[in-house]
Amino acid sequence: MSPKPIASLGCVEHKSEAPQTADGLITAFLSSFPDGASRTVANHRAAARHFLYWTHRQGITVSAIDDTVVQQFERHRCRCNPFSQHEPGRPEFAGRVRRFVRFLEDHGAVDVADGIDNLANLLADYDLFLKQQRYCATIARSYRSEAAHFAAWVRVTRQRWTEIGAEQVECYAHHDCRCPVRRKHSLLVGHHGPLRRARGAHSFLSFLRKENVLPDIDGLDCEDKHLHAYRAWLKHYCGSAATTIGRSCAEIKFCLPLLGQPSDLDAAVIRETIGHRITQAPGSADLIVTIMRSYLRFLVSRGECSAALLHVIPPVRRIRSGTLPRYLDTPTIEKIIASCRTETPVQIRDKAIILLLARLGLRAGDICQLRLSDIDWNRGYIQVSGKSKRLDRLPLPQDAGDALLAYLEQARPTVGEDRLFLRVLAPFTPFKSSAEICGIVSRVYDRAGITGLPTRSHLFRHSLATRMLRSGAGLESIGTILRHRSPATTTIYAKVDVSMLLKVAQPWPGEASC
């Protein structure tokens, strides 16, 4: 094949170089390989020459090359003399062609308008960011590799970075890989491969948004304009907590396909939607109704639906005190605490959390929200902000205080984060939700070989109230420790005082007293 000028192939010349011939461009491509890789160089030279020969025969200019052209090249029945012995559809051969196309893109021969500049510098900055976050070398290398792969996929699919969202990340996680990167290609088998891809892509996108390269996305992926405005309404007008906002938005996002547009809402649609959701989650019926009423109030405040629709939401009858609260006896609680070892940072942290649950009856959300400034070591108390955002002071027991001090001195990472409890792996972030506290309780059981017990962290709260009641404490004292706003909430524990109930129990008519 006689060398052809790049200009005749429709290639855009490099800004700092004169137009090159096809052979000259291939030579520049091969010079990027390390010395001593003679076989690799030979294979890539053959692939590049074959691909340029085929595109010239098809009348395709180099500036018009994209992944669609590469796919056509892979599928063509090769009659390209003297390249007929090659197999363009073979994954290894196609990978070499894609690497050559990527070289053309990097050097301006193929114009790629992806909406982001200096991608190579951003990847280098991302690598530095991972090191600053104190990731171990293996994890940092994995994230860096996944970011490079994601960038290659965005370029291959000719998408703009400003349009990348959760849907595009999901497509990337499950794509049949033919990207010009050094990794295994084709589909990933199993569950963890796509998760690893998605996690790496989200991490790189978060970094780009933090660096103001991409526009920030406010929390939830709110594609619907009403859902996005509802989130802002809950945050700024109602002052709802982040967990409440996340739960409400997730519920409404699930119901939006059933509700339709606000202008189409009527009593039948609302009742049908609520009935459908309650059928799917009967244990959350009262919460579903509360969230739906909140969303309708939001629509009414914007004038998008009639205020009369607030009265069509069916009431949910909640039977209070219908069951006995589950609890653990004192020997079992002490056995769980005694089983907590302190040999590793994870065990030291987990023991401090278990003691706070058992001694103070804190909620899992209270544990997640604790800050370093909430502990007063001189006066011996801890400040807790509960569900009502009301600050309460609780006395800090000696063993719980010792466990907290051991955690701060021996196990807590030295980072600029005010939250008390952090993850033990880099980047040492706070717990994302209260569900992670339940996971800690479950792991404590597993380490101690304890089986047959519920792993709900709230079980420690019920156990503390039951133990206080049987020790002679009144319901008012229990409500103070548990920080109940209403005395009616504390009355559920009166049912577990069996000895007192026996004293007031009346005999059934005609039967002897028990």
Protein backbone atom coordinates (compact mmCIF):
# COMPACT_ATOMS: atom_id res chain seq x y z
CA MET A 1 0.00 0.00 0.00
CA SER A 2 1.51 3.27 -1.08
CA PRO A 3 1.70 5.96 1.61
CA LYS A 4 -1.02 8.58 1.31
CA PRO A 5 -0.92 12.08 2.78
CA ILE A 6 -3.08 12.55 5.80
CA ALA A 7 -4.71 15.55 4.17
CA SER A 8 -5.95 13.33 1.35
CA LEU A 9 -7.54 11.07 3.95
CA GLY A 10 -9.49 13.97 5.40
CA CYS A 11 -7.49 14.11 8.62
CA VAL A 12 -7.26 17.30 10.68
CA GLU A 13 -3.62 18.13 11.15
CA HIS A 14 -2.10 18.42 14.60
CA LYS A 15 -1.86 21.99 15.86
CA SER A 16 1.91 21.94 16.24
CA GLU A 17 2.90 19.66 13.38
CA ALA A 18 2.72 19.64 9.62
CA PRO A 19 0.43 17.18 7.87
CA GLN A 20 1.81 13.66 8.04
CA THR A 21 1.44 10.67 5.75
CA ALA A 22 -0.49 7.63 6.88
CA ASP A 23 2.81 5.78 7.41
CA GLY A 24 4.13 8.74 9.37
CA LEU A 25 1.10 8.72 11.64
CA ILE A 26 1.45 4.97 12.19
CA THR A 27 5.12 5.48 13.03
CA ALA A 28 4.17 8.12 15.61
CA PHE A 29 1.59 5.73 17.06
CA LEU A 30 4.11 2.91 17.38
CA SER A 31 6.68 5.20 19.00
CA SER A 32 4.37 5.45 22.04
CA PHE A 33 5.08 1.81 22.89
CA PRO A 34 7.90 0.96 25.30
CA ASP A 35 11.20 -0.35 23.96
CA GLY A 36 11.55 -4.10 23.79
CA ALA A 37 7.90 -4.76 22.85
CA SER A 38 8.74 -5.77 19.29
CA ARG A 39 5.92 -8.28 18.95
CA THR A 40 3.35 -5.81 20.30
CA VAL A 41 4.61 -3.14 17.90
CA ALA A 42 4.36 -5.51 14.94
CA ASN A 43 0.80 -6.52 15.81
CA HIS A 44 -0.36 -2.92 16.24
CA ARG A 45 1.39 -1.84 13.02
CA ALA A 46 -0.50 -4.50 11.05
CA ALA A 47 -3.82 -3.52 12.63
CA ALA A 48 -3.34 0.21 11.99
CA ARG A 49 -2.24 -0.24 8.37
CA HIS A 50 -5.13 -2.62 7.66
CA PHE A 51 -7.67 -0.24 9.20
CA LEU A 52 -6.44 2.82 7.28
CA TYR A 53 -6.39 0.82 4.05
CA TRP A 54 -10.00 -0.29 4.58
CA THR A 55 -11.28 3.21 5.48
CA HIS A 56 -9.59 4.63 2.33
CA ARG A 57 -11.29 1.99 0.16
CA GLN A 58 -14.65 2.77 1.79
CA GLY A 59 -14.21 6.50 1.20
CA ILE A 60 -14.29 7.26 4.95
CA THR A 61 -12.23 10.23 6.02
CA VAL A 62 -10.07 9.88 9.11
CA SER A 63 -11.83 12.83 10.75
CA ALA A 64 -15.13 10.90 10.52
CA ILE A 65 -13.86 7.77 12.29
CA ASP A 66 -15.85 6.73 15.35
CA ASP A 67 -16.87 3.48 17.04
CA THR A 68 -19.54 2.84 14.42
CA VAL A 69 -16.84 2.81 11.74
CA VAL A 70 -14.73 0.44 13.83
CA GLN A 71 -17.71 -1.90 14.24
CA GLN A 72 -18.25 -1.88 10.47
CA PHE A 73 -14.58 -2.74 10.02
CA GLU A 74 -14.94 -5.66 12.44
CA ARG A 75 -17.94 -7.04 10.55
CA HIS A 76 -16.63 -6.71 6.99
CA ARG A 77 -15.67 -9.80 5.01
CA CYS A 78 -12.03 -9.09 4.50
CA ARG A 79 -10.86 -8.99 0.88
CA CYS A 80 -8.20 -6.40 1.57
CA ASN A 81 -5.06 -7.41 -0.31
CA PRO A 82 -2.47 -8.00 1.24
CA PHE A 83 -4.36 -8.12 4.58
CA SER A 84 -6.75 -10.95 3.76
CA GLN A 85 -5.12 -13.25 6.30
CA HIS A 86 -6.23 -11.00 9.19
CA GLU A 87 -9.47 -11.51 11.14
CA PRO A 88 -10.90 -8.02 11.81
CA GLY A 89 -13.64 -9.39 14.10
CA ARG A 90 -11.20 -11.05 16.49
CA PRO A 91 -11.35 -9.19 19.88
CA GLU A 92 -7.56 -8.84 20.15
CA PHE A 93 -7.29 -7.40 16.65
CA ALA A 94 -10.25 -5.06 17.20
CA GLY A 95 -8.70 -3.87 20.44
CA ARG A 96 -5.53 -2.84 18.60
CA VAL A 97 -7.60 -0.92 16.06
CA ARG A 98 -9.46 0.90 18.84
CA ARG A 99 -6.19 1.81 20.49
CA PHE A 100 -5.01 3.30 17.22
CA VAL A 101 -8.27 5.26 16.90
CA ARG A 102 -7.75 6.57 20.40
CA PHE A 103 -4.28 7.75 19.38
CA LEU A 104 -5.84 9.61 16.44
CA GLU A 105 -8.31 11.26 18.82
CA ASP A 106 -5.63 12.26 21.32
CA HIS A 107 -3.53 13.87 18.59
CA GLY A 108 -6.33 15.84 16.94
CA ALA A 109 -6.71 13.71 13.82
CA VAL A 110 -10.26 12.88 14.94
CA ASP A 111 -12.23 15.67 16.55
CA VAL A 112 -14.09 14.60 19.72
CA ALA A 113 -16.48 17.15 21.21
CA ASP A 114 -17.12 15.56 24.61
CA GLY A 115 -17.44 18.86 26.48
CA ILE A 116 -14.35 18.44 28.66
CA ASP A 117 -10.76 19.55 28.17
CA ASN A 118 -7.45 18.27 29.55
CA LEU A 119 -8.85 14.86 30.44
CA ALA A 120 -5.35 13.44 30.91
CA ASN A 121 -4.57 16.17 33.46
CA LEU A 122 -7.86 15.51 35.25
CA LEU A 123 -7.04 11.82 35.51
CA ALA A 124 -3.65 12.71 36.99
CA ASP A 125 -5.36 15.07 39.47
CA TYR A 126 -7.81 12.30 40.34
CA ASP A 127 -4.91 9.96 41.06
CA LEU A 128 -3.43 12.58 43.41
CA PHE A 129 -6.84 13.03 45.05
CA LEU A 130 -7.07 9.30 45.77
CA LYS A 131 -3.66 9.39 47.42
CA GLN A 132 -4.67 12.39 49.52
CA GLN A 133 -7.73 10.47 50.65
CA ARG A 134 -5.30 7.83 51.93
CA TYR A 135 -6.62 4.95 49.86
CA CYS A 136 -4.37 1.93 49.91
CA ALA A 137 -2.32 1.37 46.75
CA THR A 138 -4.52 -1.46 45.46
CA ILE A 139 -7.81 0.44 45.87
CA ALA A 140 -6.35 3.65 44.42
CA ARG A 141 -5.04 1.76 41.39
CA SER A 142 -8.46 0.14 40.89
CA TYR A 143 -10.30 3.48 41.03
CA ARG A 144 -7.76 5.12 38.71
CA SER A 145 -8.06 2.28 36.21
CA GLU A 146 -11.87 2.39 36.34
CA ALA A 147 -11.86 6.16 35.77
CA ALA A 148 -9.65 5.75 32.69
CA HIS A 149 -11.95 3.00 31.41
CA PHE A 150 -15.03 5.15 31.98
CA ALA A 151 -13.42 8.07 30.14
CA ALA A 152 -12.57 5.78 27.23
CA TRP A 153 -16.17 4.50 27.11
CA VAL A 154 -17.58 8.05 27.09
CA ARG A 155 -15.31 8.91 24.17
CA VAL A 156 -16.10 5.69 22.29
CA THR A 157 -19.85 6.25 22.60
CA ARG A 158 -19.44 9.93 21.58
CA GLN A 159 -21.34 11.29 24.59
CA ARG A 160 -20.88 14.64 26.28
CA TRP A 161 -19.78 14.67 29.90
CA THR A 162 -22.46 17.20 30.85
CA GLU A 163 -25.12 14.67 29.82
CA ILE A 164 -23.73 11.80 31.89
CA GLY A 165 -26.08 10.66 34.66
CA ALA A 166 -27.18 7.55 36.51
CA GLU A 167 -28.67 6.01 33.35
CA GLN A 168 -25.41 6.37 31.42
CA VAL A 169 -23.40 4.94 34.32
CA GLU A 170 -25.71 1.92 34.37
CA CYS A 171 -25.13 1.41 30.64
CA TYR A 172 -21.39 1.65 31.20
CA ALA A 173 -21.51 -0.89 34.03
CA HIS A 174 -23.12 -3.52 31.79
CA HIS A 175 -21.61 -2.67 28.41
CA ASP A 176 -19.95 -5.30 26.24
CA CYS A 177 -16.46 -3.89 26.47
CA ARG A 178 -14.42 -3.19 23.35
CA CYS A 179 -12.83 -0.06 24.78
CA PRO A 180 -9.18 0.80 23.95
CA VAL A 181 -7.89 0.03 27.44
CA ARG A 182 -5.57 -2.64 28.77
CA ARG A 183 -8.04 -4.99 30.44
CA LYS A 184 -10.16 -8.02 29.76
CA HIS A 185 -12.92 -7.28 27.28
CA SER A 186 -16.45 -8.53 26.61
CA LEU A 187 -19.27 -8.78 29.15
CA LEU A 188 -18.62 -9.14 32.87
CA VAL A 189 -19.98 -12.31 34.40
CA GLY A 190 -21.60 -12.13 37.82
CA HIS A 191 -22.80 -9.37 40.10
CA HIS A 192 -19.62 -7.73 41.41
CA GLY A 193 -18.08 -6.69 38.07
CA PRO A 194 -20.84 -4.23 37.08
CA LEU A 195 -20.94 -2.94 40.66
CA ARG A 196 -17.21 -2.25 40.54
CA ARG A 197 -17.58 -0.41 37.24
CA ALA A 198 -20.48 1.71 38.52
CA ARG A 199 -18.70 2.51 41.79
CA GLY A 200 -15.59 3.66 39.93
CA ALA A 201 -17.61 5.78 37.49
CA HIS A 202 -19.60 7.47 40.26
CA SER A 203 -16.42 8.21 42.19
CA PHE A 204 -14.80 9.90 39.18
CA LEU A 205 -17.97 11.87 38.41
CA SER A 206 -18.09 13.08 42.03
CA PHE A 207 -14.50 14.25 41.73
CA LEU A 208 -15.26 16.16 38.51
CA ARG A 209 -18.24 17.85 40.15
CA LYS A 210 -16.19 18.71 43.22
CA GLU A 211 -13.58 20.33 40.95
CA ASN A 212 -16.39 22.28 39.18
CA VAL A 213 -15.55 20.60 35.87
CA LEU A 214 -19.13 19.29 35.69
CA PRO A 215 -22.26 20.95 37.10
CA ASP A 216 -23.24 19.72 40.55
CA ILE A 217 -26.29 17.53 41.04
CA ASP A 218 -28.26 18.25 44.21
CA GLY A 219 -28.38 14.90 45.97
CA LEU A 220 -30.95 12.57 44.47
CA ASP A 221 -31.09 11.94 40.74
CA CYS A 222 -34.31 13.90 40.29
CA GLU A 223 -35.19 13.68 36.63
CA ASP A 224 -38.78 14.81 37.21
CA LYS A 225 -39.10 18.55 37.75
CA HIS A 226 -41.81 18.09 40.38
CA LEU A 227 -39.64 15.67 42.35
CA HIS A 228 -36.68 18.04 42.23
CA ALA A 229 -38.84 20.94 43.43
CA TYR A 230 -40.41 18.71 46.11
CA ARG A 231 -36.97 17.93 47.46
CA ALA A 232 -36.12 21.64 47.69
CA TRP A 233 -39.49 22.33 49.35
CA LEU A 234 -38.86 19.72 52.04
CA LYS A 235 -35.39 21.06 52.70
CA HIS A 236 -35.96 24.82 52.72
CA TYR A 237 -39.65 25.22 53.62
CA CYS A 238 -40.29 22.26 55.93
CA GLY A 239 -36.78 21.97 57.38
CA SER A 240 -36.85 18.18 57.09
CA ALA A 241 -33.81 16.10 57.92
CA ALA A 242 -31.73 14.57 55.15
CA THR A 243 -32.96 11.05 55.95
CA THR A 244 -36.60 12.20 55.81
CA ILE A 245 -36.00 13.96 52.49
CA GLY A 246 -34.31 10.89 51.00
CA ARG A 247 -37.08 8.54 52.16
CA SER A 248 -39.87 10.86 50.94
CA CYS A 249 -38.28 11.49 47.53
CA ALA A 250 -37.62 7.78 47.02
CA GLU A 251 -41.26 6.95 47.80
CA ILE A 252 -42.68 9.66 45.53
CA LYS A 253 -40.28 8.72 42.73
CA PHE A 254 -41.62 5.17 42.92
CA CYS A 255 -45.23 6.44 42.83
CA LEU A 256 -44.82 8.99 40.02
CA PRO A 257 -45.57 6.51 37.17
CA LEU A 258 -48.86 5.68 38.92
CA LEU A 259 -49.77 9.27 39.79
CA GLY A 260 -49.03 10.79 36.39
CA GLN A 261 -49.01 14.55 35.91
CA PRO A 262 -50.29 16.78 38.76
CA SER A 263 -52.97 18.22 36.51
CA ASP A 264 -54.39 14.70 36.02
CA LEU A 265 -54.68 13.86 39.73
CA ASP A 266 -58.08 12.91 41.10
CA ALA A 267 -59.42 10.98 44.09
CA ALA A 268 -59.46 7.63 42.29
CA VAL A 269 -55.84 7.87 41.16
CA ILE A 270 -54.60 8.87 44.61
CA ARG A 271 -56.49 6.11 46.42
CA GLU A 272 -55.45 3.51 43.87
CA THR A 273 -51.79 4.52 44.20
CA ILE A 274 -51.85 4.43 48.01
CA GLY A 275 -53.67 1.09 48.01
CA HIS A 276 -51.11 -0.38 45.61
CA ARG A 277 -48.16 0.77 47.73
CA ILE A 278 -49.73 -0.43 51.00
CA THR A 279 -50.29 -3.84 49.43
CA GLN A 280 -46.57 -3.99 48.59
CA ALA A 281 -45.39 -2.70 52.00
CA PRO A 282 -48.17 -3.22 54.58
CA GLY A 283 -45.81 -2.50 57.49
CA SER A 284 -45.19 1.04 56.19
CA ALA A 285 -48.81 2.00 55.57
CA ASP A 286 -48.83 5.02 57.90
CA LEU A 287 -45.52 6.28 56.49
CA ILE A 288 -46.76 5.94 52.89
CA VAL A 289 -49.89 7.94 53.71
CA THR A 290 -47.84 10.63 55.49
CA ILE A 291 -45.47 11.04 52.53
CA MET A 292 -48.33 11.15 50.03
CA ARG A 293 -50.11 13.82 52.09
CA SER A 294 -46.86 15.83 52.22
CA TYR A 295 -46.47 15.63 48.43
CA LEU A 296 -50.05 16.77 47.86
CA ARG A 297 -49.48 19.74 50.20
CA PHE A 298 -46.46 20.63 48.11
CA LEU A 299 -48.48 20.52 44.89
CA VAL A 300 -51.26 22.60 46.49
CA SER A 301 -48.71 25.23 47.59
CA ARG A 302 -47.59 25.53 43.96
CA GLY A 303 -51.17 25.69 42.68
CA GLU A 304 -50.75 22.51 40.61
CA CYS A 305 -53.65 20.59 42.13
CA SER A 306 -56.82 21.23 44.13
CA ALA A 307 -56.62 21.55 47.93
CA ALA A 308 -59.71 19.33 48.17
CA LEU A 309 -57.57 16.33 47.21
CA LEU A 310 -55.95 16.44 50.66
CA HIS A 311 -59.21 15.07 52.08
CA VAL A 312 -59.34 11.99 49.83
CA ILE A 313 -56.33 10.30 51.42
CA PRO A 314 -57.70 7.36 53.42
CA PRO A 315 -56.88 7.26 57.13
CA VAL A 316 -54.69 4.44 58.35
CA ARG A 317 -55.69 2.90 61.64
CA ARG A 318 -52.60 2.22 63.66
CA ILE A 319 -53.10 -0.16 66.55
CA ARG A 320 -50.79 0.99 69.30
CA SER A 321 -49.59 -1.33 72.03
CA GLY A 322 -50.84 -4.31 70.08
CA THR A 323 -47.73 -6.38 70.71
CA LEU A 324 -45.11 -6.73 73.40
CA PRO A 325 -41.80 -4.94 72.74
CA ARG A 326 -38.99 -7.42 72.15
CA TYR A 327 -36.06 -7.18 74.53
CA LEU A 328 -33.00 -9.02 75.81
CA ASP A 329 -32.49 -9.88 79.45
CA THR A 330 -29.58 -8.45 81.43
CA PRO A 331 -27.33 -11.57 81.25
CA THR A 332 -27.65 -11.64 77.45
CA ILE A 333 -26.77 -7.93 77.17
CA GLU A 334 -23.71 -8.40 79.37
CA LYS A 335 -22.69 -11.45 77.35
CA ILE A 336 -22.80 -9.41 74.13
CA ILE A 337 -20.72 -6.62 75.70
CA ALA A 338 -18.19 -9.08 77.13
CA SER A 339 -17.80 -10.71 73.71
CA CYS A 340 -16.59 -7.44 72.15
CA ARG A 341 -12.86 -7.74 71.65
CA THR A 342 -10.45 -4.84 71.27
CA GLU A 343 -7.65 -6.25 69.12
CA THR A 344 -8.30 -4.30 65.91
CA PRO A 345 -9.58 -0.77 65.14
CA VAL A 346 -12.87 -2.23 63.91
CA GLN A 347 -13.43 -4.12 67.15
CA ILE A 348 -12.56 -1.07 69.29
CA ARG A 349 -15.03 1.09 67.36
CA ASP A 350 -17.76 -1.54 67.45
CA LYS A 351 -17.44 -2.03 71.21
CA ALA A 352 -17.91 1.71 71.81
CA ILE A 353 -21.05 1.66 69.64
CA ILE A 354 -22.48 -1.40 71.41
CA LEU A 355 -21.94 0.19 74.82
CA LEU A 356 -23.71 3.40 73.76
CA LEU A 357 -26.63 1.34 72.49
CA ALA A 358 -26.83 -0.79 75.62
CA ARG A 359 -26.14 1.81 78.34
CA LEU A 360 -27.93 4.87 76.93
CA GLY A 361 -30.49 3.32 74.58
CA LEU A 362 -29.45 5.54 71.67
CA ARG A 363 -31.06 5.10 68.30
CA ALA A 364 -28.95 4.04 65.34
CA GLY A 365 -29.49 7.49 63.82
CA ASP A 366 -28.22 9.09 67.03
CA ILE A 367 -24.99 7.09 66.74
CA CYS A 368 -24.47 8.20 63.13
CA GLN A 369 -24.99 11.89 63.99
CA LEU A 370 -22.72 12.07 67.05
CA ARG A 371 -19.90 14.58 66.76
CA LEU A 372 -16.66 15.07 68.62
CA SER A 373 -18.00 18.28 70.14
CA ASP A 374 -20.99 16.41 71.63
CA ILE A 375 -18.84 14.83 74.36
CA ASP A 376 -18.13 16.87 77.49
CA TRP A 377 -15.33 14.95 79.21
CA ASN A 378 -15.09 17.34 82.16
CA ARG A 379 -18.76 17.13 83.14
CA GLY A 380 -19.24 13.55 82.01
CA TYR A 381 -22.19 13.88 79.67
CA ILE A 382 -22.94 13.38 75.99
CA GLN A 383 -25.18 15.61 73.90
CA VAL A 384 -27.63 13.87 71.55
CA SER A 385 -29.79 15.33 68.80
CA GLY A 386 -32.75 13.04 68.29
CA LYS A 387 -35.48 12.82 65.70
CA SER A 388 -37.01 16.13 66.82
CA LYS A 389 -33.65 17.96 66.39
CA ARG A 390 -33.86 18.79 70.10
CA LEU A 391 -30.54 18.66 71.94
CA ASP A 392 -30.58 16.49 75.06
CA ARG A 393 -27.83 15.78 77.57
CA LEU A 394 -27.34 12.26 78.85
CA PRO A 395 -24.91 11.09 81.53
CA LEU A 396 -21.98 9.17 80.08
CA PRO A 397 -21.46 5.85 81.92
CA GLN A 398 -17.91 4.95 82.92
CA ASP A 399 -17.52 1.89 80.71
CA ALA A 400 -19.01 3.67 77.70
CA GLY A 401 -16.72 6.65 78.29
CA ASP A 402 -13.66 4.39 78.55
CA ALA A 403 -14.62 2.68 75.29
CA LEU A 404 -15.03 6.04 73.54
CA LEU A 405 -11.66 7.23 74.84
CA ALA A 406 -9.99 4.02 73.61
CA TYR A 407 -11.58 4.51 70.20
CA LEU A 408 -10.38 8.11 69.93
CA GLU A 409 -6.85 7.27 71.03
CA GLN A 410 -6.28 3.94 69.25
CA ALA A 411 -8.70 3.42 66.38
CA ARG A 412 -10.18 6.64 65.00
CA PRO A 413 -8.39 7.89 61.86
CA THR A 414 -6.78 11.32 62.06
CA VAL A 415 -8.87 13.24 59.54
CA GLY A 416 -10.60 16.61 59.42
CA GLU A 417 -14.06 15.21 60.10
CA ASP A 418 -16.21 16.21 63.08
CA ARG A 419 -18.36 13.07 63.09
CA LEU A 420 -17.41 10.78 65.97
CA PHE A 421 -17.66 7.39 64.29
CA LEU A 422 -16.03 6.83 60.89
CA ARG A 423 -15.43 3.94 58.56
CA VAL A 424 -12.08 2.26 59.15
CA LEU A 425 -11.14 2.17 55.46
CA ALA A 426 -10.13 5.18 53.37
CA PRO A 427 -11.44 7.74 52.70
CA PHE A 428 -12.67 7.46 56.33
CA THR A 429 -16.13 8.89 55.76
CA PRO A 430 -19.02 8.88 58.28
CA PHE A 431 -21.70 6.22 58.19
CA LYS A 432 -24.12 6.80 55.36
CA SER A 433 -27.23 5.54 57.15
CA SER A 434 -28.43 3.88 60.34
CA ALA A 435 -28.54 0.53 58.54
CA GLU A 436 -24.76 0.32 58.95
CA ILE A 437 -25.23 0.26 62.75
CA CYS A 438 -27.43 -2.82 62.37
CA GLY A 439 -24.64 -4.36 60.30
CA ILE A 440 -22.20 -3.70 63.15
CA VAL A 441 -24.56 -5.42 65.62
CA SER A 442 -24.77 -8.41 63.30
CA ARG A 443 -20.96 -8.62 63.00
CA VAL A 444 -20.57 -8.44 66.78
CA TYR A 445 -22.92 -11.42 67.07
CA ASP A 446 -20.93 -13.33 64.45
CA ARG A 447 -17.59 -12.65 66.16
CA ALA A 448 -18.99 -13.85 69.50
CA GLY A 449 -20.74 -16.88 68.02
CA ILE A 450 -24.14 -15.61 69.22
CA THR A 451 -27.02 -16.94 67.17
CA GLY A 452 -30.80 -16.71 67.28
CA LEU A 453 -30.97 -13.01 68.29
CA PRO A 454 -32.47 -10.17 66.25
CA THR A 455 -29.86 -7.82 64.79
CA ARG A 456 -31.97 -4.67 65.12
CA SER A 457 -30.09 -2.02 67.06
CA HIS A 458 -33.41 -0.80 68.51
CA LEU A 459 -33.52 -4.02 70.53
CA PHE A 460 -30.96 -2.53 72.93
CA ARG A 461 -33.26 0.46 73.47
CA HIS A 462 -36.20 -1.78 74.37
CA SER A 463 -33.97 -3.84 76.64
CA LEU A 464 -32.76 -0.78 78.56
CA ALA A 465 -36.32 0.44 79.13
CA THR A 466 -37.44 -2.99 80.29
CA ARG A 467 -34.49 -3.32 82.65
CA MET A 468 -35.13 0.14 84.15
CA LEU A 469 -38.83 -0.62 84.62
CA ARG A 470 -38.15 -3.90 86.42
CA SER A 471 -35.58 -2.13 88.62
CA GLY A 472 -38.29 0.20 89.93
CA ALA A 473 -37.91 3.23 87.65
CA GLY A 474 -41.07 5.09 86.71
CA LEU A 475 -42.34 5.64 83.18
CA GLU A 476 -41.45 9.34 83.43
CA SER A 477 -37.79 8.52 84.19
CA ILE A 478 -37.68 6.02 81.34
CA GLY A 479 -39.17 8.59 78.96
CA THR A 480 -36.49 11.08 80.02
CA ILE A 481 -33.64 8.66 79.28
CA LEU A 482 -35.17 7.56 75.98
CA ARG A 483 -36.03 11.20 75.08
CA HIS A 484 -39.68 10.52 74.26
CA ARG A 485 -41.69 13.63 73.42
CA SER A 486 -45.00 12.04 74.40
CA PRO A 487 -45.67 9.98 77.57
CA ALA A 488 -47.90 7.72 75.46
CA THR A 489 -44.80 6.45 73.67
CA THR A 490 -43.31 5.25 76.96
CA THR A 491 -46.46 3.42 78.06
CA ILE A 492 -45.74 0.48 75.73
CA TYR A 493 -43.15 -0.69 78.25
CA ALA A 494 -45.75 -1.02 81.01
CA LYS A 495 -46.83 -4.29 79.41
CA VAL A 496 -43.52 -6.00 80.20
CA ASP A 497 -43.85 -5.40 83.98
CA VAL A 498 -45.59 -8.72 84.55
CA SER A 499 -45.42 -8.61 88.35
CA MET A 500 -47.24 -5.27 88.47
CA LEU A 501 -49.82 -6.44 85.94
CA LEU A 502 -50.54 -9.50 88.10
CA LYS A 503 -51.38 -7.21 91.02
CA VAL A 504 -53.95 -5.22 89.07
CA ALA A 505 -55.35 -8.07 86.96
CA GLN A 506 -59.02 -8.78 87.71
CA PRO A 507 -60.32 -12.36 87.76
CA TRP A 508 -62.53 -13.49 84.91
CA PRO A 509 -66.16 -13.69 86.05
CA GLY A 510 -66.83 -17.12 87.47
CA GLU A 511 -63.16 -18.08 87.62
CA ALA A 512 -60.63 -18.05 90.45
CA SER A 513 -58.18 -15.17 90.63
CA CYS A 514 -54.78 -15.75 89.09
